[in-house]
Amino acid sequence: MKKLFFSLLLLCVASVAWAQYGEGSIQDIENFNKRAIDFVIFSIGGAAFVGGGAFAAIRLMMHKEDAFQRAGWVIGGGAFLVLIRIIWNVMQSFAR
């Protein structure tokens, strides 16, 4: 969770740096943010969700005690990744 928060913080810093660079318009900044969020959701998020699901499934098959907890974390992380665009839109609406 700390890594995800740190990544979002870096994304915010990068968008501010993009805003202060040259003659960038608001539309350019929004396009940059959209591409960065799409990268996080589809590339990193998908790989983490599939890998975590496979790892939790293997632990379930091995009858490990913490397998349900790990599966719950994978499901919770996947739900957060689905909601990340909504969270970003809410943050943008507060900033305007």
PDB file of N, CA and C in Angstrom:
ATOM      1  N   MET A   1       0.821  -1.184   0.000  1.00  0.00           N
ATOM      2  CA  MET A   1       0.000   0.000   0.000  1.00  0.00           C
ATOM      3  C   MET A   1       0.872   1.257   0.000  1.00  0.00           C
ATOM      4  N   LYS A   2       1.992   1.182   0.738  1.00  0.00           N
ATOM      5  CA  LYS A   2       2.884   2.332   0.775  1.00  0.00           C
ATOM      6  C   LYS A   2       3.483   2.604  -0.597  1.00  0.00           C
ATOM      7  N   LYS A   3       3.807   1.535  -1.322  1.00  0.00           N
ATOM      8  CA  LYS A   3       4.389   1.713  -2.656  1.00  0.00           C
ATOM      9  C   LYS A   3       3.382   2.340  -3.608  1.00  0.00           C
ATOM     10  N   LEU A   4       2.106   1.930  -3.502  1.00  0.00           N
ATOM     11  CA  LEU A   4       1.079   2.500  -4.366  1.00  0.00           C
ATOM     12  C   LEU A   4       0.869   3.976  -4.052  1.00  0.00           C
ATOM     13  N   PHE A   5       0.818   4.313  -2.771  1.00  0.00           N
ATOM     14  CA  PHE A   5       0.662   5.714  -2.385  1.00  0.00           C
ATOM     15  C   PHE A   5       1.841   6.541  -2.874  1.00  0.00           C
ATOM     16  N   PHE A   6       3.057   5.993  -2.732  1.00  0.00           N
ATOM     17  CA  PHE A   6       4.248   6.695  -3.198  1.00  0.00           C
ATOM     18  C   PHE A   6       4.220   6.885  -4.709  1.00  0.00           C
ATOM     19  N   SER A   7       3.722   5.870  -5.435  1.00  0.00           N
ATOM     20  CA  SER A   7       3.616   5.976  -6.891  1.00  0.00           C
ATOM     21  C   SER A   7       2.623   7.057  -7.289  1.00  0.00           C
ATOM     22  N   LEU A   8       1.485   7.126  -6.592  1.00  0.00           N
ATOM     23  CA  LEU A   8       0.508   8.177  -6.893  1.00  0.00           C
ATOM     24  C   LEU A   8       1.069   9.556  -6.572  1.00  0.00           C
ATOM     25  N   LEU A   9       1.845   9.642  -5.493  1.00  0.00           N
ATOM     26  CA  LEU A   9       2.478  10.913  -5.152  1.00  0.00           C
ATOM     27  C   LEU A   9       3.457  11.338  -6.236  1.00  0.00           C
ATOM     28  N   LEU A  10       4.243  10.391  -6.744  1.00  0.00           N
ATOM     29  CA  LEU A  10       5.165  10.709  -7.832  1.00  0.00           C
ATOM     30  C   LEU A  10       4.423  11.122  -9.098  1.00  0.00           C
ATOM     31  N   LEU A  11       3.276  10.494  -9.355  1.00  0.00           N
ATOM     32  CA  LEU A  11       2.469  10.878 -10.511  1.00  0.00           C
ATOM     33  C   LEU A  11       1.984  12.314 -10.373  1.00  0.00           C
ATOM     34  N   CYS A  12       1.574  12.694  -9.168  1.00  0.00           N
ATOM     35  CA  CYS A  12       1.135  14.072  -8.946  1.00  0.00           C
ATOM     36  C   CYS A  12       2.286  15.055  -9.144  1.00  0.00           C
ATOM     37  N   VAL A  13       3.469  14.698  -8.648  1.00  0.00           N
ATOM     38  CA  VAL A  13       4.643  15.563  -8.824  1.00  0.00           C
ATOM     39  C   VAL A  13       4.987  15.685 -10.302  1.00  0.00           C
ATOM     40  N   ALA A  14       4.911  14.570 -11.026  1.00  0.00           N
ATOM     41  CA  ALA A  14       5.224  14.609 -12.454  1.00  0.00           C
ATOM     42  C   ALA A  14       4.236  15.476 -13.215  1.00  0.00           C
ATOM     43  N   SER A  15       2.963  15.429 -12.834  1.00  0.00           N
ATOM     44  CA  SER A  15       1.984  16.255 -13.554  1.00  0.00           C
ATOM     45  C   SER A  15       2.179  17.735 -13.235  1.00  0.00           C
ATOM     46  N   VAL A  16       2.589  18.052 -12.014  1.00  0.00           N
ATOM     47  CA  VAL A  16       2.881  19.454 -11.686  1.00  0.00           C
ATOM     48  C   VAL A  16       4.103  19.928 -12.466  1.00  0.00           C
ATOM     49  N   ALA A  17       5.119  19.066 -12.565  1.00  0.00           N
ATOM     50  CA  ALA A  17       6.302  19.431 -13.349  1.00  0.00           C
ATOM     51  C   ALA A  17       5.939  19.616 -14.816  1.00  0.00           C
ATOM     52  N   TRP A  18       5.051  18.772 -15.324  1.00  0.00           N
ATOM     53  CA  TRP A  18       4.596  18.897 -16.707  1.00  0.00           C
ATOM     54  C   TRP A  18       3.833  20.210 -16.894  1.00  0.00           C
ATOM     55  N   ALA A  19       3.066  20.596 -15.881  1.00  0.00           N
ATOM     56  CA  ALA A  19       2.282  21.833 -15.975  1.00  0.00           C
ATOM     57  C   ALA A  19       3.185  23.057 -16.004  1.00  0.00           C
ATOM     58  N   GLN A  20       4.300  23.005 -15.300  1.00  0.00           N
ATOM     59  CA  GLN A  20       5.176  24.163 -15.237  1.00  0.00           C
ATOM     60  C   GLN A  20       6.175  24.198 -16.388  1.00  0.00           C
ATOM     61  N   TYR A  21       6.212  23.160 -17.198  1.00  0.00           N
ATOM     62  CA  TYR A  21       7.164  23.094 -18.301  1.00  0.00           C
ATOM     63  C   TYR A  21       6.571  23.727 -19.544  1.00  0.00           C
ATOM     64  N   GLY A  22       7.177  24.754 -20.011  1.00  0.00           N
ATOM     65  CA  GLY A  22       6.826  25.348 -21.295  1.00  0.00           C
ATOM     66  C   GLY A  22       5.398  25.858 -21.384  1.00  0.00           C
ATOM     67  N   GLU A  23       4.812  25.642 -22.543  1.00  0.00           N
ATOM     68  CA  GLU A  23       3.489  26.169 -22.860  1.00  0.00           C
ATOM     69  C   GLU A  23       2.423  25.084 -22.780  1.00  0.00           C
ATOM     70  N   GLY A  24       2.536  24.148 -21.863  1.00  0.00           N
ATOM     71  CA  GLY A  24       1.578  23.045 -21.759  1.00  0.00           C
ATOM     72  C   GLY A  24       0.200  23.536 -21.366  1.00  0.00           C
ATOM     73  N   SER A  25      -0.797  23.020 -22.026  1.00  0.00           N
ATOM     74  CA  SER A  25      -2.157  23.399 -21.699  1.00  0.00           C
ATOM     75  C   SER A  25      -2.742  22.403 -20.704  1.00  0.00           C
ATOM     76  N   ILE A  26      -3.880  22.732 -20.187  1.00  0.00           N
ATOM     77  CA  ILE A  26      -4.570  21.844 -19.242  1.00  0.00           C
ATOM     78  C   ILE A  26      -4.911  20.524 -19.924  1.00  0.00           C
ATOM     79  N   GLN A  27      -5.280  20.574 -21.184  1.00  0.00           N
ATOM     80  CA  GLN A  27      -5.614  19.348 -21.922  1.00  0.00           C
ATOM     81  C   GLN A  27      -4.391  18.431 -22.036  1.00  0.00           C
ATOM     82  N   ASP A  28      -3.207  19.012 -22.250  1.00  0.00           N
ATOM     83  CA  ASP A  28      -1.986  18.205 -22.305  1.00  0.00           C
ATOM     84  C   ASP A  28      -1.716  17.517 -20.975  1.00  0.00           C
ATOM     85  N   ILE A  29      -1.932  18.227 -19.893  1.00  0.00           N
ATOM     86  CA  ILE A  29      -1.709  17.660 -18.557  1.00  0.00           C
ATOM     87  C   ILE A  29      -2.700  16.537 -18.291  1.00  0.00           C
ATOM     88  N   GLU A  30      -3.958  16.747 -18.645  1.00  0.00           N
ATOM     89  CA  GLU A  30      -4.967  15.710 -18.430  1.00  0.00           C
ATOM     90  C   GLU A  30      -4.668  14.475 -19.281  1.00  0.00           C
ATOM     91  N   ASN A  31      -4.194  14.662 -20.509  1.00  0.00           N
ATOM     92  CA  ASN A  31      -3.812  13.520 -21.351  1.00  0.00           C
ATOM     93  C   ASN A  31      -2.635  12.761 -20.754  1.00  0.00           C
ATOM     94  N   PHE A  32      -1.656  13.494 -20.212  1.00  0.00           N
ATOM     95  CA  PHE A  32      -0.521  12.851 -19.559  1.00  0.00           C
ATOM     96  C   PHE A  32      -0.983  12.020 -18.367  1.00  0.00           C
ATOM     97  N   ASN A  33      -1.845  12.592 -17.541  1.00  0.00           N
ATOM     98  CA  ASN A  33      -2.347  11.869 -16.371  1.00  0.00           C
ATOM     99  C   ASN A  33      -3.149  10.640 -16.786  1.00  0.00           C
ATOM    100  N   LYS A  34      -3.944  10.766 -17.831  1.00  0.00           N
ATOM    101  CA  LYS A  34      -4.751   9.631 -18.286  1.00  0.00           C
ATOM    102  C   LYS A  34      -3.856   8.500 -18.777  1.00  0.00           C
ATOM    103  N   ARG A  35      -2.822   8.833 -19.541  1.00  0.00           N
ATOM    104  CA  ARG A  35      -1.902   7.798 -20.020  1.00  0.00           C
ATOM    105  C   ARG A  35      -1.140   7.145 -18.877  1.00  0.00           C
ATOM    106  N   ALA A  36      -0.737   7.933 -17.893  1.00  0.00           N
ATOM    107  CA  ALA A  36      -0.005   7.367 -16.754  1.00  0.00           C
ATOM    108  C   ALA A  36      -0.899   6.448 -15.937  1.00  0.00           C
ATOM    109  N   ILE A  37      -2.136   6.828 -15.708  1.00  0.00           N
ATOM    110  CA  ILE A  37      -3.063   5.988 -14.943  1.00  0.00           C
ATOM    111  C   ILE A  37      -3.402   4.730 -15.722  1.00  0.00           C
ATOM    112  N   ASP A  38      -3.582   4.848 -17.034  1.00  0.00           N
ATOM    113  CA  ASP A  38      -3.830   3.652 -17.844  1.00  0.00           C
ATOM    114  C   ASP A  38      -2.660   2.679 -17.749  1.00  0.00           C
ATOM    115  N   PHE A  39      -1.433   3.216 -17.733  1.00  0.00           N
ATOM    116  CA  PHE A  39      -0.265   2.346 -17.588  1.00  0.00           C
ATOM    117  C   PHE A  39      -0.295   1.619 -16.249  1.00  0.00           C
ATOM    118  N   VAL A  40      -0.607   2.344 -15.182  1.00  0.00           N
ATOM    119  CA  VAL A  40      -0.645   1.725 -13.851  1.00  0.00           C
ATOM    120  C   VAL A  40      -1.740   0.673 -13.781  1.00  0.00           C
ATOM    121  N   ILE A  41      -2.921   0.987 -14.293  1.00  0.00           N
ATOM    122  CA  ILE A  41      -4.050   0.060 -14.189  1.00  0.00           C
ATOM    123  C   ILE A  41      -3.825  -1.172 -15.051  1.00  0.00           C
ATOM    124  N   PHE A  42      -3.503  -0.988 -16.325  1.00  0.00           N
ATOM    125  CA  PHE A  42      -3.479  -2.113 -17.250  1.00  0.00           C
ATOM    126  C   PHE A  42      -2.172  -2.901 -17.211  1.00  0.00           C
ATOM    127  N   SER A  43      -1.045  -2.249 -17.045  1.00  0.00           N
ATOM    128  CA  SER A  43       0.233  -2.964 -17.079  1.00  0.00           C
ATOM    129  C   SER A  43       0.608  -3.513 -15.713  1.00  0.00           C
ATOM    130  N   ILE A  44       0.851  -2.619 -14.789  1.00  0.00           N
ATOM    131  CA  ILE A  44       1.303  -3.038 -13.469  1.00  0.00           C
ATOM    132  C   ILE A  44       0.184  -3.711 -12.696  1.00  0.00           C
ATOM    133  N   GLY A  45      -0.999  -3.130 -12.719  1.00  0.00           N
ATOM    134  CA  GLY A  45      -2.115  -3.672 -11.953  1.00  0.00           C
ATOM    135  C   GLY A  45      -2.554  -5.045 -12.410  1.00  0.00           C
ATOM    136  N   GLY A  46      -2.636  -5.234 -13.710  1.00  0.00           N
ATOM    137  CA  GLY A  46      -3.048  -6.532 -14.230  1.00  0.00           C
ATOM    138  C   GLY A  46      -2.056  -7.626 -13.892  1.00  0.00           C
ATOM    139  N   ALA A  47      -0.769  -7.316 -14.035  1.00  0.00           N
ATOM    140  CA  ALA A  47       0.261  -8.306 -13.712  1.00  0.00           C
ATOM    141  C   ALA A  47       0.259  -8.639 -12.230  1.00  0.00           C
ATOM    142  N   ALA A  48       0.104  -7.643 -11.390  1.00  0.00           N
ATOM    143  CA  ALA A  48       0.079  -7.892  -9.941  1.00  0.00           C
ATOM    144  C   ALA A  48      -1.161  -8.693  -9.546  1.00  0.00           C
ATOM    145  N   PHE A  49      -2.296  -8.396 -10.156  1.00  0.00           N
ATOM    146  CA  PHE A  49      -3.534  -9.101  -9.810  1.00  0.00           C
ATOM    147  C   PHE A  49      -3.471 -10.559 -10.248  1.00  0.00           C
ATOM    148  N   VAL A  50      -3.010 -10.811 -11.459  1.00  0.00           N
ATOM    149  CA  VAL A  50      -2.917 -12.189 -11.951  1.00  0.00           C
ATOM    150  C   VAL A  50      -1.856 -12.974 -11.175  1.00  0.00           C
ATOM    151  N   GLY A  51      -0.713 -12.360 -10.945  1.00  0.00           N
ATOM    152  CA  GLY A  51       0.341 -13.031 -10.182  1.00  0.00           C
ATOM    153  C   GLY A  51      -0.074 -13.319  -8.751  1.00  0.00           C
ATOM    154  N   GLY A  52      -0.710 -12.345  -8.114  1.00  0.00           N
ATOM    155  CA  GLY A  52      -1.186 -12.553  -6.742  1.00  0.00           C
ATOM    156  C   GLY A  52      -2.276 -13.593  -6.664  1.00  0.00           C
ATOM    157  N   GLY A  53      -3.158 -13.609  -7.661  1.00  0.00           N
ATOM    158  CA  GLY A  53      -4.207 -14.632  -7.698  1.00  0.00           C
ATOM    159  C   GLY A  53      -3.644 -16.023  -7.872  1.00  0.00           C
ATOM    160  N   ALA A  54      -2.647 -16.163  -8.735  1.00  0.00           N
ATOM    161  CA  ALA A  54      -2.013 -17.467  -8.935  1.00  0.00           C
ATOM    162  C   ALA A  54      -1.284 -17.912  -7.670  1.00  0.00           C
ATOM    163  N   PHE A  55      -0.599 -16.986  -7.018  1.00  0.00           N
ATOM    164  CA  PHE A  55       0.109 -17.306  -5.789  1.00  0.00           C
ATOM    165  C   PHE A  55      -0.873 -17.733  -4.689  1.00  0.00           C
ATOM    166  N   ALA A  56      -1.993 -17.015  -4.563  1.00  0.00           N
ATOM    167  CA  ALA A  56      -2.994 -17.377  -3.559  1.00  0.00           C
ATOM    168  C   ALA A  56      -3.638 -18.724  -3.897  1.00  0.00           C
ATOM    169  N   ALA A  57      -3.860 -19.004  -5.174  1.00  0.00           N
ATOM    170  CA  ALA A  57      -4.447 -20.290  -5.573  1.00  0.00           C
ATOM    171  C   ALA A  57      -3.505 -21.444  -5.252  1.00  0.00           C
ATOM    172  N   ILE A  58      -2.219 -21.246  -5.474  1.00  0.00           N
ATOM    173  CA  ILE A  58      -1.247 -22.290  -5.146  1.00  0.00           C
ATOM    174  C   ILE A  58      -1.234 -22.539  -3.644  1.00  0.00           C
ATOM    175  N   ARG A  59      -1.303 -21.474  -2.869  1.00  0.00           N
ATOM    176  CA  ARG A  59      -1.310 -21.644  -1.411  1.00  0.00           C
ATOM    177  C   ARG A  59      -2.606 -22.299  -0.945  1.00  0.00           C
ATOM    178  N   LEU A  60      -3.714 -22.033  -1.634  1.00  0.00           N
ATOM    179  CA  LEU A  60      -4.960 -22.714  -1.294  1.00  0.00           C
ATOM    180  C   LEU A  60      -4.860 -24.208  -1.576  1.00  0.00           C
ATOM    181  N   MET A  61      -4.243 -24.558  -2.685  1.00  0.00           N
ATOM    182  CA  MET A  61      -4.087 -25.975  -3.015  1.00  0.00           C
ATOM    183  C   MET A  61      -3.134 -26.683  -2.055  1.00  0.00           C
ATOM    184  N   MET A  62      -2.197 -25.939  -1.466  1.00  0.00           N
ATOM    185  CA  MET A  62      -1.261 -26.522  -0.515  1.00  0.00           C
ATOM    186  C   MET A  62      -1.831 -26.554   0.904  1.00  0.00           C
ATOM    187  N   HIS A  63      -3.064 -26.073   1.082  1.00  0.00           N
ATOM    188  CA  HIS A  63      -3.762 -26.048   2.372  1.00  0.00           C
ATOM    189  C   HIS A  63      -3.004 -25.230   3.418  1.00  0.00           C
ATOM    190  N   LYS A  64      -2.495 -24.098   3.029  1.00  0.00           N
ATOM    191  CA  LYS A  64      -1.823 -23.200   3.966  1.00  0.00           C
ATOM    192  C   LYS A  64      -2.871 -22.384   4.714  1.00  0.00           C
ATOM    193  N   GLU A  65      -2.563 -22.026   5.957  1.00  0.00           N
ATOM    194  CA  GLU A  65      -3.536 -21.327   6.802  1.00  0.00           C
ATOM    195  C   GLU A  65      -3.793 -19.895   6.341  1.00  0.00           C
ATOM    196  N   ASP A  66      -2.780 -19.244   5.827  1.00  0.00           N
ATOM    197  CA  ASP A  66      -2.932 -17.846   5.442  1.00  0.00           C
ATOM    198  C   ASP A  66      -3.393 -17.658   4.001  1.00  0.00           C
ATOM    199  N   ALA A  67      -3.814 -18.719   3.341  1.00  0.00           N
ATOM    200  CA  ALA A  67      -4.194 -18.624   1.932  1.00  0.00           C
ATOM    201  C   ALA A  67      -5.434 -17.759   1.729  1.00  0.00           C
ATOM    202  N   PHE A  68      -6.416 -17.870   2.617  1.00  0.00           N
ATOM    203  CA  PHE A  68      -7.626 -17.061   2.469  1.00  0.00           C
ATOM    204  C   PHE A  68      -7.329 -15.583   2.708  1.00  0.00           C
ATOM    205  N   GLN A  69      -6.425 -15.309   3.644  1.00  0.00           N
ATOM    206  CA  GLN A  69      -6.047 -13.923   3.886  1.00  0.00           C
ATOM    207  C   GLN A  69      -5.356 -13.334   2.656  1.00  0.00           C
ATOM    208  N   ARG A  70      -4.440 -14.091   2.073  1.00  0.00           N
ATOM    209  CA  ARG A  70      -3.744 -13.610   0.875  1.00  0.00           C
ATOM    210  C   ARG A  70      -4.714 -13.440  -0.296  1.00  0.00           C
ATOM    211  N   ALA A  71      -5.648 -14.361  -0.431  1.00  0.00           N
ATOM    212  CA  ALA A  71      -6.648 -14.234  -1.496  1.00  0.00           C
ATOM    213  C   ALA A  71      -7.502 -12.989  -1.281  1.00  0.00           C
ATOM    214  N   GLY A  72      -7.821 -12.701  -0.038  1.00  0.00           N
ATOM    215  CA  GLY A  72      -8.578 -11.488   0.275  1.00  0.00           C
ATOM    216  C   GLY A  72      -7.813 -10.229  -0.081  1.00  0.00           C
ATOM    217  N   TRP A  73      -6.498 -10.230   0.184  1.00  0.00           N
ATOM    218  CA  TRP A  73      -5.681  -9.078  -0.183  1.00  0.00           C
ATOM    219  C   TRP A  73      -5.619  -8.896  -1.697  1.00  0.00           C
ATOM    220  N   VAL A  74      -5.562 -10.006  -2.420  1.00  0.00           N
ATOM    221  CA  VAL A  74      -5.533  -9.927  -3.888  1.00  0.00           C
ATOM    222  C   VAL A  74      -6.851  -9.363  -4.408  1.00  0.00           C
ATOM    223  N   ILE A  75      -7.966  -9.832  -3.862  1.00  0.00           N
ATOM    224  CA  ILE A  75      -9.277  -9.330  -4.286  1.00  0.00           C
ATOM    225  C   ILE A  75      -9.421  -7.852  -3.935  1.00  0.00           C
ATOM    226  N   GLY A  76      -8.981  -7.466  -2.725  1.00  0.00           N
ATOM    227  CA  GLY A  76      -9.039  -6.060  -2.315  1.00  0.00           C
ATOM    228  C   GLY A  76      -8.165  -5.177  -3.187  1.00  0.00           C
ATOM    229  N   GLY A  77      -6.975  -5.652  -3.527  1.00  0.00           N
ATOM    230  CA  GLY A  77      -6.091  -4.887  -4.409  1.00  0.00           C
ATOM    231  C   GLY A  77      -6.663  -4.745  -5.807  1.00  0.00           C
ATOM    232  N   GLY A  78      -7.288  -5.808  -6.306  1.00  0.00           N
ATOM    233  CA  GLY A  78      -7.923  -5.731  -7.622  1.00  0.00           C
ATOM    234  C   GLY A  78      -9.080  -4.748  -7.633  1.00  0.00           C
ATOM    235  N   ALA A  79      -9.861  -4.737  -6.551  1.00  0.00           N
ATOM    236  CA  ALA A  79     -10.967  -3.778  -6.461  1.00  0.00           C
ATOM    237  C   ALA A  79     -10.435  -2.350  -6.413  1.00  0.00           C
ATOM    238  N   PHE A  80      -9.330  -2.143  -5.690  1.00  0.00           N
ATOM    239  CA  PHE A  80      -8.738  -0.804  -5.632  1.00  0.00           C
ATOM    240  C   PHE A  80      -8.247  -0.367  -7.008  1.00  0.00           C
ATOM    241  N   LEU A  81      -7.661  -1.290  -7.761  1.00  0.00           N
ATOM    242  CA  LEU A  81      -7.185  -0.945  -9.096  1.00  0.00           C
ATOM    243  C   LEU A  81      -8.333  -0.595 -10.028  1.00  0.00           C
ATOM    244  N   VAL A  82      -9.466  -1.256  -9.852  1.00  0.00           N
ATOM    245  CA  VAL A  82     -10.634  -0.919 -10.666  1.00  0.00           C
ATOM    246  C   VAL A  82     -11.135   0.479 -10.305  1.00  0.00           C
ATOM    247  N   LEU A  83     -11.041   0.844  -9.028  1.00  0.00           N
ATOM    248  CA  LEU A  83     -11.567   2.128  -8.574  1.00  0.00           C
ATOM    249  C   LEU A  83     -10.571   3.279  -8.699  1.00  0.00           C
ATOM    250  N   ILE A  84      -9.358   3.007  -9.142  1.00  0.00           N
ATOM    251  CA  ILE A  84      -8.332   4.047  -9.140  1.00  0.00           C
ATOM    252  C   ILE A  84      -8.686   5.208 -10.069  1.00  0.00           C
ATOM    253  N   ARG A  85      -9.333   4.926 -11.192  1.00  0.00           N
ATOM    254  CA  ARG A  85      -9.728   6.019 -12.094  1.00  0.00           C
ATOM    255  C   ARG A  85     -10.801   6.890 -11.442  1.00  0.00           C
ATOM    256  N   ILE A  86     -11.738   6.286 -10.726  1.00  0.00           N
ATOM    257  CA  ILE A  86     -12.766   7.058 -10.032  1.00  0.00           C
ATOM    258  C   ILE A  86     -12.135   7.913  -8.945  1.00  0.00           C
ATOM    259  N   ILE A  87     -11.183   7.344  -8.203  1.00  0.00           N
ATOM    260  CA  ILE A  87     -10.499   8.098  -7.157  1.00  0.00           C
ATOM    261  C   ILE A  87      -9.744   9.272  -7.771  1.00  0.00           C
ATOM    262  N   TRP A  88      -9.095   9.043  -8.921  1.00  0.00           N
ATOM    263  CA  TRP A  88      -8.364  10.120  -9.580  1.00  0.00           C
ATOM    264  C   TRP A  88      -9.302  11.236 -10.042  1.00  0.00           C
ATOM    265  N   ASN A  89     -10.474  10.879 -10.560  1.00  0.00           N
ATOM    266  CA  ASN A  89     -11.435  11.885 -10.992  1.00  0.00           C
ATOM    267  C   ASN A  89     -11.945  12.702  -9.808  1.00  0.00           C
ATOM    268  N   VAL A  90     -12.142  12.067  -8.665  1.00  0.00           N
ATOM    269  CA  VAL A  90     -12.570  12.784  -7.468  1.00  0.00           C
ATOM    270  C   VAL A  90     -11.472  13.739  -7.020  1.00  0.00           C
ATOM    271  N   MET A  91     -10.226  13.292  -7.054  1.00  0.00           N
ATOM    272  CA  MET A  91      -9.111  14.171  -6.675  1.00  0.00           C
ATOM    273  C   MET A  91      -9.020  15.360  -7.623  1.00  0.00           C
ATOM    274  N   GLN A  92      -9.253  15.146  -8.905  1.00  0.00           N
ATOM    275  CA  GLN A  92      -9.218  16.243  -9.875  1.00  0.00           C
ATOM    276  C   GLN A  92     -10.355  17.233  -9.622  1.00  0.00           C
ATOM    277  N   SER A  93     -11.522  16.714  -9.264  1.00  0.00           N
ATOM    278  CA  SER A  93     -12.644  17.634  -9.007  1.00  0.00           C
ATOM    279  C   SER A  93     -12.395  18.501  -7.783  1.00  0.00           C
ATOM    280  N   PHE A  94     -11.677  17.975  -6.781  1.00  0.00           N
ATOM    281  CA  PHE A  94     -11.337  18.797  -5.612  1.00  0.00           C
ATOM    282  C   PHE A  94     -10.301  19.841  -5.962  1.00  0.00           C
ATOM    283  N   ALA A  95      -9.427  19.539  -6.921  1.00  0.00           N
ATOM    284  CA  ALA A  95      -8.353  20.455  -7.284  1.00  0.00           C
ATOM    285  C   ALA A  95      -8.853  21.632  -8.122  1.00  0.00           C
ATOM    286  N   ARG A  96     -10.009  21.499  -8.743  1.00  0.00           N
ATOM    287  CA  ARG A  96     -10.511  22.569  -9.622  1.00  0.00           C
ATOM    288  C   ARG A  96     -11.262  23.602  -8.874  1.00  0.00           C
TER     289      ARG A  96
END
